[in-house]
Amino acid sequence: MARMPLAERRRQLTEAAIKAMARDGVAKTTTRSIAAEADVSLSVFHYCFDSKQALIESVITTITDHYVTLVKEALRPRATLEETVRAGFQAYWDHVRAHPDEHMLTYELTQYALRQPGFEHLARRQYELYADAYTELIEQLRRDMDVRLRVPVPVLARYLAAMTDGLTLNYLVLGDATTWTDILDTVTAHIAGLVQDDP
């Protein structure tokens, strides 16, 4: 087995854990199954992660990074604020449709962390990550589009996290992709109204 820097090996194991957990569920995924998915020995796994908490935190952070990176790239300035905001939501929505198992896993991770004594802080960390990600995206939008907000950044960030969370769960439960175009149009118009002053 080729030697690999620790950070890279952790990334490899985290991606393997995401695949295994999405396939088998959080509770049924073992360190052995993750090591097998990554094609490494169990000792390599334990060298990289000293606890299940550390692994789950890495999984939560990595899944969030997967789609935040796409949204950041999509938020490049367009002709109007609405077009820019819509592009960001569209990038997120495309990721949900392409990787529903990953998004379903985020809800399972939340429930798992809330039910496991000593893991509750991971559920809180997960939702703090969402708010942090939206804060960063809002700041990027403010900087690139020179817009002012009608609500404070922390309030808007938490609102967007809650709204996206609810819409994602709604899609995962109902599987109705056809209504999403109208929903995205409505959300885009609403958010553009919160971040754009009247002329």
N, C-alpha and C. Protein backbone atom coordinates (compact mmCIF):
# COMPACT_ATOMS: atom_id res chain seq x y z
N MET A 1 0.85 -1.18 0.00
CA MET A 1 0.00 0.00 0.00
C MET A 1 0.89 1.24 0.00
N ALA A 2 0.60 2.17 -0.90
CA ALA A 2 1.41 3.38 -1.02
C ALA A 2 1.21 4.27 0.20
N ARG A 3 2.31 4.89 0.62
CA ARG A 3 2.21 5.82 1.74
C ARG A 3 1.55 7.10 1.25
N MET A 4 0.73 7.65 2.11
CA MET A 4 -0.05 8.82 1.73
C MET A 4 -0.02 9.79 2.90
N PRO A 5 0.06 11.11 2.64
CA PRO A 5 0.01 12.07 3.75
C PRO A 5 -1.26 11.87 4.58
N LEU A 6 -1.15 12.13 5.88
CA LEU A 6 -2.27 11.88 6.80
C LEU A 6 -3.55 12.59 6.37
N ALA A 7 -3.45 13.86 5.97
CA ALA A 7 -4.65 14.62 5.58
C ALA A 7 -5.32 13.98 4.38
N GLU A 8 -4.53 13.52 3.43
CA GLU A 8 -5.09 12.88 2.24
C GLU A 8 -5.73 11.54 2.59
N ARG A 9 -5.09 10.80 3.49
CA ARG A 9 -5.64 9.52 3.92
C ARG A 9 -6.97 9.73 4.66
N ARG A 10 -7.04 10.77 5.48
CA ARG A 10 -8.30 11.08 6.18
C ARG A 10 -9.40 11.41 5.17
N ARG A 11 -9.04 12.18 4.15
CA ARG A 11 -10.03 12.50 3.11
C ARG A 11 -10.53 11.23 2.43
N GLN A 12 -9.60 10.33 2.12
CA GLN A 12 -9.96 9.06 1.48
C GLN A 12 -10.91 8.26 2.37
N LEU A 13 -10.59 8.17 3.65
CA LEU A 13 -11.43 7.42 4.58
C LEU A 13 -12.78 8.09 4.80
N THR A 14 -12.78 9.42 4.82
CA THR A 14 -14.05 10.15 4.98
C THR A 14 -14.97 9.90 3.80
N GLU A 15 -14.43 9.96 2.58
CA GLU A 15 -15.25 9.69 1.39
C GLU A 15 -15.75 8.24 1.40
N ALA A 16 -14.90 7.33 1.87
CA ALA A 16 -15.33 5.92 1.98
C ALA A 16 -16.44 5.79 3.01
N ALA A 17 -16.32 6.53 4.12
CA ALA A 17 -17.36 6.50 5.16
C ALA A 17 -18.68 7.04 4.62
N ILE A 18 -18.62 8.10 3.82
CA ILE A 18 -19.83 8.66 3.23
C ILE A 18 -20.52 7.61 2.36
N LYS A 19 -19.75 6.92 1.54
CA LYS A 19 -20.33 5.88 0.67
C LYS A 19 -20.94 4.75 1.51
N ALA A 20 -20.19 4.30 2.50
CA ALA A 20 -20.66 3.19 3.33
C ALA A 20 -21.90 3.58 4.13
N MET A 21 -21.88 4.78 4.72
CA MET A 21 -23.02 5.23 5.53
C MET A 21 -24.26 5.48 4.66
N ALA A 22 -24.05 6.05 3.47
CA ALA A 22 -25.19 6.28 2.58
C ALA A 22 -25.81 4.96 2.14
N ARG A 23 -24.99 3.95 1.99
CA ARG A 23 -25.46 2.64 1.55
C ARG A 23 -26.08 1.84 2.70
N ASP A 24 -25.40 1.81 3.85
CA ASP A 24 -25.79 0.90 4.94
C ASP A 24 -26.45 1.58 6.13
N GLY A 25 -26.39 2.90 6.20
CA GLY A 25 -26.90 3.62 7.36
C GLY A 25 -25.78 3.87 8.36
N VAL A 26 -25.94 4.92 9.15
CA VAL A 26 -24.90 5.32 10.09
C VAL A 26 -24.68 4.25 11.16
N ALA A 27 -25.75 3.78 11.75
CA ALA A 27 -25.64 2.83 12.86
C ALA A 27 -25.01 1.51 12.44
N LYS A 28 -25.26 1.08 11.20
CA LYS A 28 -24.75 -0.21 10.74
C LYS A 28 -23.36 -0.13 10.13
N THR A 29 -22.87 1.06 9.89
CA THR A 29 -21.54 1.20 9.29
C THR A 29 -20.48 1.01 10.37
N THR A 30 -19.55 0.13 10.10
CA THR A 30 -18.49 -0.17 11.06
C THR A 30 -17.15 0.37 10.55
N THR A 31 -16.20 0.47 11.46
CA THR A 31 -14.86 0.89 11.04
C THR A 31 -14.30 -0.12 10.03
N ARG A 32 -14.62 -1.38 10.22
CA ARG A 32 -14.15 -2.43 9.30
C ARG A 32 -14.72 -2.22 7.90
N SER A 33 -16.02 -1.88 7.81
CA SER A 33 -16.63 -1.68 6.49
C SER A 33 -16.09 -0.42 5.80
N ILE A 34 -15.76 0.58 6.59
CA ILE A 34 -15.18 1.80 6.02
C ILE A 34 -13.78 1.52 5.51
N ALA A 35 -12.98 0.79 6.29
CA ALA A 35 -11.63 0.43 5.87
C ALA A 35 -11.68 -0.41 4.59
N ALA A 36 -12.64 -1.33 4.51
CA ALA A 36 -12.78 -2.15 3.31
C ALA A 36 -13.17 -1.29 2.11
N GLU A 37 -14.08 -0.35 2.33
CA GLU A 37 -14.51 0.56 1.25
C GLU A 37 -13.32 1.37 0.72
N ALA A 38 -12.43 1.77 1.63
CA ALA A 38 -11.26 2.57 1.25
C ALA A 38 -10.09 1.70 0.81
N ASP A 39 -10.24 0.39 0.98
CA ASP A 39 -9.18 -0.56 0.64
C ASP A 39 -7.90 -0.30 1.44
N VAL A 40 -8.09 -0.12 2.75
CA VAL A 40 -6.96 0.06 3.67
C VAL A 40 -7.15 -0.89 4.85
N SER A 41 -6.10 -1.07 5.61
CA SER A 41 -6.20 -1.92 6.80
C SER A 41 -6.93 -1.18 7.91
N LEU A 42 -7.45 -1.93 8.85
CA LEU A 42 -8.13 -1.36 10.01
C LEU A 42 -7.18 -0.50 10.82
N SER A 43 -5.92 -0.88 10.88
CA SER A 43 -4.93 -0.10 11.64
C SER A 43 -4.73 1.29 11.02
N VAL A 44 -4.82 1.38 9.70
CA VAL A 44 -4.71 2.69 9.04
C VAL A 44 -5.89 3.56 9.44
N PHE A 45 -7.08 2.94 9.46
CA PHE A 45 -8.26 3.71 9.89
C PHE A 45 -8.06 4.27 11.29
N HIS A 46 -7.64 3.43 12.23
CA HIS A 46 -7.49 3.87 13.62
C HIS A 46 -6.34 4.86 13.80
N TYR A 47 -5.38 4.82 12.91
CA TYR A 47 -4.31 5.82 12.93
C TYR A 47 -4.85 7.19 12.53
N CYS A 48 -5.78 7.21 11.59
CA CYS A 48 -6.33 8.47 11.07
C CYS A 48 -7.44 9.05 11.94
N PHE A 49 -8.25 8.19 12.55
CA PHE A 49 -9.37 8.64 13.37
C PHE A 49 -9.33 7.91 14.71
N ASP A 50 -9.22 8.68 15.77
CA ASP A 50 -9.13 8.05 17.08
C ASP A 50 -10.49 7.83 17.75
N SER A 51 -11.57 8.29 17.09
CA SER A 51 -12.90 8.09 17.66
C SER A 51 -13.95 8.18 16.56
N LYS A 52 -15.12 7.61 16.84
CA LYS A 52 -16.23 7.70 15.90
C LYS A 52 -16.71 9.15 15.79
N GLN A 53 -16.61 9.89 16.88
CA GLN A 53 -16.99 11.31 16.85
C GLN A 53 -16.16 12.07 15.83
N ALA A 54 -14.85 11.82 15.83
CA ALA A 54 -13.97 12.52 14.89
C ALA A 54 -14.33 12.16 13.45
N LEU A 55 -14.65 10.90 13.22
CA LEU A 55 -15.04 10.47 11.89
C LEU A 55 -16.35 11.14 11.47
N ILE A 56 -17.35 11.13 12.33
CA ILE A 56 -18.65 11.72 11.98
C ILE A 56 -18.51 13.21 11.72
N GLU A 57 -17.71 13.89 12.53
CA GLU A 57 -17.49 15.33 12.28
C GLU A 57 -16.85 15.54 10.92
N SER A 58 -15.90 14.70 10.56
CA SER A 58 -15.26 14.80 9.25
C SER A 58 -16.25 14.53 8.13
N VAL A 59 -17.15 13.57 8.32
CA VAL A 59 -18.17 13.26 7.33
C VAL A 59 -19.10 14.46 7.14
N ILE A 60 -19.57 15.03 8.24
CA ILE A 60 -20.47 16.19 8.18
C ILE A 60 -19.81 17.35 7.45
N THR A 61 -18.58 17.65 7.81
CA THR A 61 -17.85 18.76 7.18
C THR A 61 -17.64 18.51 5.69
N THR A 62 -17.29 17.30 5.34
CA THR A 62 -17.01 16.97 3.94
C THR A 62 -18.26 17.04 3.08
N ILE A 63 -19.37 16.49 3.56
CA ILE A 63 -20.61 16.56 2.79
C ILE A 63 -21.01 18.02 2.57
N THR A 64 -20.90 18.84 3.60
CA THR A 64 -21.24 20.25 3.47
C THR A 64 -20.33 20.91 2.44
N ASP A 65 -19.04 20.61 2.51
CA ASP A 65 -18.08 21.17 1.54
C ASP A 65 -18.40 20.77 0.11
N HIS A 66 -18.93 19.57 -0.10
CA HIS A 66 -19.25 19.10 -1.44
C HIS A 66 -20.16 20.10 -2.17
N TYR A 67 -21.24 20.49 -1.51
CA TYR A 67 -22.17 21.36 -2.24
C TYR A 67 -21.88 22.85 -2.05
N VAL A 68 -21.26 23.24 -0.95
CA VAL A 68 -20.92 24.66 -0.77
C VAL A 68 -19.93 25.10 -1.86
N THR A 69 -19.00 24.24 -2.19
CA THR A 69 -18.03 24.56 -3.25
C THR A 69 -18.75 24.81 -4.57
N LEU A 70 -19.72 23.97 -4.89
CA LEU A 70 -20.48 24.15 -6.14
C LEU A 70 -21.26 25.46 -6.14
N VAL A 71 -21.90 25.75 -5.00
CA VAL A 71 -22.70 26.98 -4.91
C VAL A 71 -21.80 28.21 -5.03
N LYS A 72 -20.65 28.19 -4.38
CA LYS A 72 -19.71 29.32 -4.47
C LYS A 72 -19.34 29.59 -5.92
N GLU A 73 -19.03 28.53 -6.64
CA GLU A 73 -18.66 28.69 -8.05
C GLU A 73 -19.83 29.23 -8.87
N ALA A 74 -21.03 28.80 -8.55
CA ALA A 74 -22.22 29.23 -9.30
C ALA A 74 -22.60 30.68 -9.01
N LEU A 75 -22.18 31.20 -7.86
CA LEU A 75 -22.58 32.56 -7.45
C LEU A 75 -21.76 33.67 -8.12
N ARG A 76 -21.07 33.36 -9.20
CA ARG A 76 -20.35 34.45 -9.88
C ARG A 76 -21.39 35.45 -10.40
N PRO A 77 -21.06 36.74 -10.36
CA PRO A 77 -22.05 37.76 -10.73
C PRO A 77 -22.61 37.58 -12.14
N ARG A 78 -23.91 37.75 -12.23
CA ARG A 78 -24.61 37.70 -13.52
C ARG A 78 -25.26 39.06 -13.75
N ALA A 79 -26.09 39.15 -14.77
CA ALA A 79 -26.67 40.44 -15.15
C ALA A 79 -27.50 41.05 -14.03
N THR A 80 -28.23 40.21 -13.30
CA THR A 80 -29.07 40.73 -12.21
C THR A 80 -28.80 39.91 -10.94
N LEU A 81 -29.21 40.51 -9.83
CA LEU A 81 -29.09 39.83 -8.55
C LEU A 81 -29.92 38.54 -8.55
N GLU A 82 -31.13 38.61 -9.09
CA GLU A 82 -32.00 37.42 -9.12
C GLU A 82 -31.36 36.29 -9.90
N GLU A 83 -30.74 36.60 -11.04
CA GLU A 83 -30.08 35.56 -11.84
C GLU A 83 -28.92 34.93 -11.05
N THR A 84 -28.21 35.74 -10.31
CA THR A 84 -27.07 35.24 -9.52
C THR A 84 -27.56 34.35 -8.39
N VAL A 85 -28.59 34.82 -7.66
CA VAL A 85 -29.15 34.03 -6.56
C VAL A 85 -29.73 32.72 -7.11
N ARG A 86 -30.43 32.80 -8.21
CA ARG A 86 -31.04 31.61 -8.82
C ARG A 86 -29.95 30.60 -9.20
N ALA A 87 -28.84 31.07 -9.74
CA ALA A 87 -27.75 30.17 -10.13
C ALA A 87 -27.20 29.42 -8.91
N GLY A 88 -27.11 30.11 -7.77
CA GLY A 88 -26.64 29.46 -6.55
C GLY A 88 -27.59 28.39 -6.08
N PHE A 89 -28.89 28.70 -6.05
CA PHE A 89 -29.89 27.71 -5.64
C PHE A 89 -29.95 26.55 -6.64
N GLN A 90 -29.80 26.86 -7.92
CA GLN A 90 -29.84 25.81 -8.94
C GLN A 90 -28.67 24.84 -8.76
N ALA A 91 -27.50 25.37 -8.44
CA ALA A 91 -26.33 24.51 -8.22
C ALA A 91 -26.58 23.58 -7.04
N TYR A 92 -27.17 24.11 -5.97
CA TYR A 92 -27.49 23.28 -4.80
C TYR A 92 -28.52 22.22 -5.19
N TRP A 93 -29.57 22.65 -5.86
CA TRP A 93 -30.64 21.73 -6.24
C TRP A 93 -30.12 20.63 -7.16
N ASP A 94 -29.23 20.98 -8.09
CA ASP A 94 -28.64 19.97 -8.98
C ASP A 94 -27.86 18.94 -8.16
N HIS A 95 -27.19 19.40 -7.10
CA HIS A 95 -26.44 18.48 -6.25
C HIS A 95 -27.40 17.55 -5.49
N VAL A 96 -28.50 18.10 -5.01
CA VAL A 96 -29.50 17.26 -4.30
C VAL A 96 -30.02 16.17 -5.24
N ARG A 97 -30.34 16.55 -6.45
CA ARG A 97 -30.88 15.57 -7.40
C ARG A 97 -29.84 14.53 -7.81
N ALA A 98 -28.59 14.95 -7.92
CA ALA A 98 -27.52 14.03 -8.33
C ALA A 98 -27.08 13.11 -7.19
N HIS A 99 -27.20 13.61 -5.94
CA HIS A 99 -26.70 12.86 -4.78
C HIS A 99 -27.73 12.82 -3.65
N PRO A 100 -28.93 12.30 -3.91
CA PRO A 100 -29.94 12.29 -2.85
C PRO A 100 -29.51 11.48 -1.64
N ASP A 101 -28.74 10.42 -1.87
CA ASP A 101 -28.28 9.58 -0.77
C ASP A 101 -27.38 10.36 0.20
N GLU A 102 -26.56 11.26 -0.34
CA GLU A 102 -25.69 12.08 0.50
C GLU A 102 -26.51 13.03 1.36
N HIS A 103 -27.53 13.62 0.76
CA HIS A 103 -28.36 14.56 1.51
C HIS A 103 -29.23 13.83 2.53
N MET A 104 -29.70 12.64 2.17
CA MET A 104 -30.45 11.84 3.14
C MET A 104 -29.56 11.49 4.33
N LEU A 105 -28.29 11.23 4.03
CA LEU A 105 -27.33 10.90 5.09
C LEU A 105 -27.18 12.05 6.08
N THR A 106 -27.27 13.29 5.61
CA THR A 106 -27.12 14.42 6.54
C THR A 106 -28.21 14.40 7.62
N TYR A 107 -29.43 14.03 7.22
CA TYR A 107 -30.51 13.96 8.21
C TYR A 107 -30.30 12.79 9.17
N GLU A 108 -29.81 11.69 8.63
CA GLU A 108 -29.55 10.53 9.48
C GLU A 108 -28.43 10.85 10.48
N LEU A 109 -27.42 11.57 10.03
CA LEU A 109 -26.32 11.96 10.93
C LEU A 109 -26.83 12.85 12.06
N THR A 110 -27.73 13.77 11.72
CA THR A 110 -28.30 14.64 12.75
C THR A 110 -29.04 13.82 13.80
N GLN A 111 -29.91 12.92 13.35
CA GLN A 111 -30.68 12.09 14.28
C GLN A 111 -29.76 11.20 15.11
N TYR A 112 -28.78 10.62 14.46
CA TYR A 112 -27.84 9.74 15.16
C TYR A 112 -27.11 10.52 16.26
N ALA A 113 -26.61 11.70 15.91
CA ALA A 113 -25.86 12.50 16.89
C ALA A 113 -26.76 12.93 18.05
N LEU A 114 -28.00 13.28 17.77
CA LEU A 114 -28.91 13.71 18.84
C LEU A 114 -29.29 12.56 19.77
N ARG A 115 -29.28 11.34 19.25
CA ARG A 115 -29.69 10.19 20.06
C ARG A 115 -28.54 9.50 20.79
N GLN A 116 -27.31 9.76 20.37
CA GLN A 116 -26.15 9.12 20.99
C GLN A 116 -25.60 10.00 22.10
N PRO A 117 -25.61 9.54 23.33
CA PRO A 117 -25.03 10.35 24.42
C PRO A 117 -23.58 10.70 24.12
N GLY A 118 -23.28 11.98 24.28
CA GLY A 118 -21.93 12.46 24.02
C GLY A 118 -21.69 12.92 22.59
N PHE A 119 -22.67 12.69 21.71
CA PHE A 119 -22.52 13.08 20.30
C PHE A 119 -23.36 14.31 19.95
N GLU A 120 -24.15 14.80 20.92
CA GLU A 120 -25.11 15.87 20.63
C GLU A 120 -24.43 17.10 20.01
N HIS A 121 -23.21 17.38 20.44
CA HIS A 121 -22.50 18.56 19.93
C HIS A 121 -22.25 18.46 18.42
N LEU A 122 -22.24 17.24 17.87
CA LEU A 122 -22.01 17.08 16.43
C LEU A 122 -23.21 17.55 15.63
N ALA A 123 -24.42 17.32 16.15
CA ALA A 123 -25.61 17.84 15.48
C ALA A 123 -25.60 19.37 15.50
N ARG A 124 -25.22 19.94 16.63
CA ARG A 124 -25.13 21.39 16.73
C ARG A 124 -24.07 21.92 15.76
N ARG A 125 -22.93 21.22 15.70
CA ARG A 125 -21.84 21.61 14.80
C ARG A 125 -22.29 21.55 13.34
N GLN A 126 -23.08 20.54 13.02
CA GLN A 126 -23.59 20.40 11.66
C GLN A 126 -24.39 21.63 11.25
N TYR A 127 -25.28 22.07 12.13
CA TYR A 127 -26.12 23.22 11.77
C TYR A 127 -25.35 24.55 11.88
N GLU A 128 -24.34 24.59 12.70
CA GLU A 128 -23.46 25.76 12.71
C GLU A 128 -22.70 25.85 11.39
N LEU A 129 -22.27 24.69 10.87
CA LEU A 129 -21.59 24.66 9.57
C LEU A 129 -22.49 25.20 8.48
N TYR A 130 -23.76 24.81 8.51
CA TYR A 130 -24.70 25.32 7.50
C TYR A 130 -24.80 26.84 7.58
N ALA A 131 -24.96 27.36 8.78
CA ALA A 131 -25.06 28.82 8.96
C ALA A 131 -23.77 29.50 8.53
N ASP A 132 -22.63 28.91 8.88
CA ASP A 132 -21.33 29.48 8.48
C ASP A 132 -21.20 29.51 6.96
N ALA A 133 -21.63 28.42 6.32
CA ALA A 133 -21.54 28.34 4.86
C ALA A 133 -22.40 29.42 4.22
N TYR A 134 -23.62 29.60 4.73
CA TYR A 134 -24.48 30.65 4.17
C TYR A 134 -23.93 32.04 4.46
N THR A 135 -23.35 32.23 5.62
CA THR A 135 -22.74 33.52 5.93
C THR A 135 -21.66 33.85 4.90
N GLU A 136 -20.82 32.85 4.60
CA GLU A 136 -19.76 33.04 3.62
C GLU A 136 -20.33 33.34 2.23
N LEU A 137 -21.39 32.63 1.85
CA LEU A 137 -22.01 32.87 0.54
C LEU A 137 -22.66 34.25 0.46
N ILE A 138 -23.31 34.66 1.55
CA ILE A 138 -23.92 36.00 1.58
C ILE A 138 -22.85 37.08 1.46
N GLU A 139 -21.76 36.90 2.19
CA GLU A 139 -20.67 37.88 2.13
C GLU A 139 -20.07 37.93 0.72
N GLN A 140 -19.96 36.77 0.07
CA GLN A 140 -19.46 36.74 -1.30
C GLN A 140 -20.40 37.51 -2.22
N LEU A 141 -21.70 37.32 -2.03
CA LEU A 141 -22.70 38.01 -2.85
C LEU A 141 -22.65 39.52 -2.60
N ARG A 142 -22.53 39.90 -1.34
CA ARG A 142 -22.44 41.34 -1.01
C ARG A 142 -21.22 41.97 -1.67
N ARG A 143 -20.12 41.27 -1.59
CA ARG A 143 -18.87 41.79 -2.14
C ARG A 143 -18.92 41.88 -3.67
N ASP A 144 -19.39 40.81 -4.30
CA ASP A 144 -19.36 40.74 -5.76
C ASP A 144 -20.46 41.55 -6.43
N MET A 145 -21.62 41.66 -5.77
CA MET A 145 -22.76 42.35 -6.39
C MET A 145 -23.03 43.72 -5.77
N ASP A 146 -22.27 44.05 -4.72
CA ASP A 146 -22.42 45.34 -4.05
C ASP A 146 -23.87 45.60 -3.63
N VAL A 147 -24.43 44.64 -2.87
CA VAL A 147 -25.80 44.77 -2.40
C VAL A 147 -25.82 45.01 -0.90
N ARG A 148 -26.89 45.60 -0.44
CA ARG A 148 -27.12 45.78 1.00
C ARG A 148 -28.24 44.87 1.45
N LEU A 149 -28.19 44.50 2.70
CA LEU A 149 -29.18 43.55 3.23
C LEU A 149 -30.26 44.27 4.01
N ARG A 150 -31.47 43.71 3.98
CA ARG A 150 -32.57 44.23 4.79
C ARG A 150 -32.62 43.56 6.16
N VAL A 151 -31.89 42.48 6.31
CA VAL A 151 -31.83 41.76 7.59
C VAL A 151 -30.36 41.49 7.92
N PRO A 152 -30.03 41.32 9.21
CA PRO A 152 -28.64 41.04 9.57
C PRO A 152 -28.15 39.73 8.96
N VAL A 153 -26.87 39.67 8.62
CA VAL A 153 -26.29 38.48 8.00
C VAL A 153 -26.56 37.20 8.80
N PRO A 154 -26.34 37.20 10.13
CA PRO A 154 -26.58 35.94 10.87
C PRO A 154 -28.04 35.46 10.78
N VAL A 155 -28.98 36.41 10.77
CA VAL A 155 -30.40 36.04 10.67
C VAL A 155 -30.68 35.46 9.29
N LEU A 156 -30.19 36.12 8.26
CA LEU A 156 -30.42 35.63 6.89
C LEU A 156 -29.75 34.28 6.68
N ALA A 157 -28.55 34.10 7.22
CA ALA A 157 -27.84 32.83 7.07
C ALA A 157 -28.62 31.68 7.71
N ARG A 158 -29.13 31.89 8.92
CA ARG A 158 -29.88 30.83 9.60
C ARG A 158 -31.23 30.59 8.90
N TYR A 159 -31.82 31.65 8.40
CA TYR A 159 -33.07 31.50 7.66
C TYR A 159 -32.85 30.66 6.40
N LEU A 160 -31.79 30.96 5.65
CA LEU A 160 -31.50 30.22 4.44
C LEU A 160 -31.19 28.75 4.75
N ALA A 161 -30.46 28.51 5.83
CA ALA A 161 -30.14 27.14 6.23
C ALA A 161 -31.42 26.37 6.55
N ALA A 162 -32.33 27.00 7.31
CA ALA A 162 -33.58 26.34 7.68
C ALA A 162 -34.47 26.10 6.46
N MET A 163 -34.54 27.09 5.58
CA MET A 163 -35.37 26.98 4.39
C MET A 163 -34.84 25.90 3.45
N THR A 164 -33.54 25.88 3.22
CA THR A 164 -32.93 24.87 2.35
C THR A 164 -33.10 23.47 2.94
N ASP A 165 -32.92 23.39 4.26
CA ASP A 165 -33.07 22.12 4.96
C ASP A 165 -34.49 21.57 4.75
N GLY A 166 -35.47 22.42 4.94
CA GLY A 166 -36.86 21.99 4.78
C GLY A 166 -37.20 21.60 3.35
N LEU A 167 -36.74 22.37 2.38
CA LEU A 167 -37.03 22.06 0.98
C LEU A 167 -36.34 20.77 0.56
N THR A 168 -35.13 20.57 1.06
CA THR A 168 -34.40 19.33 0.72
C THR A 168 -35.13 18.11 1.27
N LEU A 169 -35.53 18.19 2.53
CA LEU A 169 -36.25 17.07 3.14
C LEU A 169 -37.57 16.82 2.42
N ASN A 170 -38.25 17.90 2.04
CA ASN A 170 -39.50 17.78 1.30
C ASN A 170 -39.29 17.00 0.00
N TYR A 171 -38.23 17.32 -0.73
CA TYR A 171 -37.94 16.60 -1.97
C TYR A 171 -37.58 15.14 -1.70
N LEU A 172 -36.75 14.90 -0.67
CA LEU A 172 -36.34 13.53 -0.38
C LEU A 172 -37.53 12.66 0.01
N VAL A 173 -38.51 13.25 0.67
CA VAL A 173 -39.70 12.49 1.08
C VAL A 173 -40.66 12.32 -0.09
N LEU A 174 -40.97 13.41 -0.79
CA LEU A 174 -42.00 13.37 -1.84
C LEU A 174 -41.46 13.02 -3.22
N GLY A 175 -40.18 13.32 -3.46
CA GLY A 175 -39.56 13.00 -4.74
C GLY A 175 -40.16 13.73 -5.93
N ASP A 176 -40.76 14.87 -5.70
CA ASP A 176 -41.44 15.61 -6.76
C ASP A 176 -40.52 16.68 -7.35
N ALA A 177 -39.79 16.30 -8.38
CA ALA A 177 -38.84 17.23 -9.00
C ALA A 177 -39.53 18.28 -9.86
N THR A 178 -40.73 17.99 -10.34
CA THR A 178 -41.40 18.90 -11.27
C THR A 178 -41.79 20.22 -10.61
N THR A 179 -42.14 20.18 -9.33
CA THR A 179 -42.55 21.42 -8.66
C THR A 179 -41.37 22.28 -8.25
N TRP A 180 -40.15 21.72 -8.35
CA TRP A 180 -38.99 22.46 -7.86
C TRP A 180 -38.67 23.71 -8.68
N THR A 181 -38.98 23.72 -9.96
CA THR A 181 -38.72 24.91 -10.76
C THR A 181 -39.52 26.09 -10.21
N ASP A 182 -40.80 25.86 -9.94
CA ASP A 182 -41.63 26.92 -9.38
C ASP A 182 -41.16 27.30 -7.98
N ILE A 183 -40.77 26.31 -7.19
CA ILE A 183 -40.30 26.60 -5.84
C ILE A 183 -39.01 27.44 -5.90
N LEU A 184 -38.09 27.07 -6.79
CA LEU A 184 -36.84 27.84 -6.92
C LEU A 184 -37.12 29.27 -7.37
N ASP A 185 -38.08 29.44 -8.28
CA ASP A 185 -38.44 30.79 -8.71
C ASP A 185 -38.96 31.61 -7.53
N THR A 186 -39.82 31.00 -6.72
CA THR A 186 -40.39 31.69 -5.56
C THR A 186 -39.32 32.04 -4.54
N VAL A 187 -38.48 31.06 -4.22
CA VAL A 187 -37.40 31.28 -3.25
C VAL A 187 -36.44 32.36 -3.75
N THR A 188 -36.09 32.30 -5.01
CA THR A 188 -35.16 33.28 -5.58
C THR A 188 -35.72 34.70 -5.47
N ALA A 189 -36.97 34.86 -5.84
CA ALA A 189 -37.59 36.19 -5.75
C ALA A 189 -37.65 36.67 -4.31
N HIS A 190 -37.96 35.78 -3.40
CA HIS A 190 -38.05 36.14 -1.99
C HIS A 190 -36.68 36.56 -1.44
N ILE A 191 -35.66 35.75 -1.71
CA ILE A 191 -34.31 36.05 -1.20
C ILE A 191 -33.77 37.33 -1.83
N ALA A 192 -33.99 37.51 -3.11
CA ALA A 192 -33.54 38.74 -3.78
C ALA A 192 -34.19 39.96 -3.12
N GLY A 193 -35.43 39.82 -2.71
CA GLY A 193 -36.10 40.92 -2.00
C GLY A 193 -35.50 41.21 -0.63
N LEU A 194 -34.92 40.20 0.00
CA LEU A 194 -34.30 40.42 1.32
C LEU A 194 -32.92 41.05 1.22
N VAL A 195 -32.28 40.91 0.05
CA VAL A 195 -30.92 41.43 -0.05
C VAL A 195 -30.81 42.61 -1.02
N GLN A 196 -31.93 43.12 -1.46
CA GLN A 196 -31.88 44.20 -2.42
C GLN A 196 -32.75 45.35 -1.95
N ASP A 197 -32.16 46.52 -1.80
CA ASP A 197 -32.96 47.69 -1.44
C ASP A 197 -33.82 48.14 -2.60
N ASP A 198 -34.97 48.73 -2.27
CA ASP A 198 -35.80 49.30 -3.34
C ASP A 198 -35.04 50.46 -3.97
N PRO A 199 -35.17 50.66 -5.28
CA PRO A 199 -34.46 51.78 -5.95
C PRO A 199 -34.96 53.12 -5.44
